[in-house]
């Protein structure tokens, strides 16, 4: 059985990928690595819900598509519009910012890490 990509699609058909898409979604290559790594670990170690990372991230991005301001503001001098959304089941934060009509996912970071990601 082929494993599905952990990089989800949003409800309007846009795909989250390291490159900018025609649909307004974009995400940093580093975030793609975070997501791939987390999804791989999760699939190997959480056998009761191996798709949880992909499913929860897909739901979060769909929600952010409708309500991009719901994430908590992050205190980053480099990215003053940086926000984060906590995914409670998998205990990860999605760090993102909105630039015009685009949502840029900057990092996917586990909450148990002592500090936030280097952006």
Foldseek 3Di string as FASTA:
>chain_A
DDDDQLFEAAPVGHTEDCDQDPQQEHEHPQQSVQSRVLLVCQLVPVVVCSNVSSVLVRVVVNVCLVVVPPFDQDPDPVCRQWGWDARPVSQWIFIWGDDPNHIYGYHIGHNVPPDDDDD
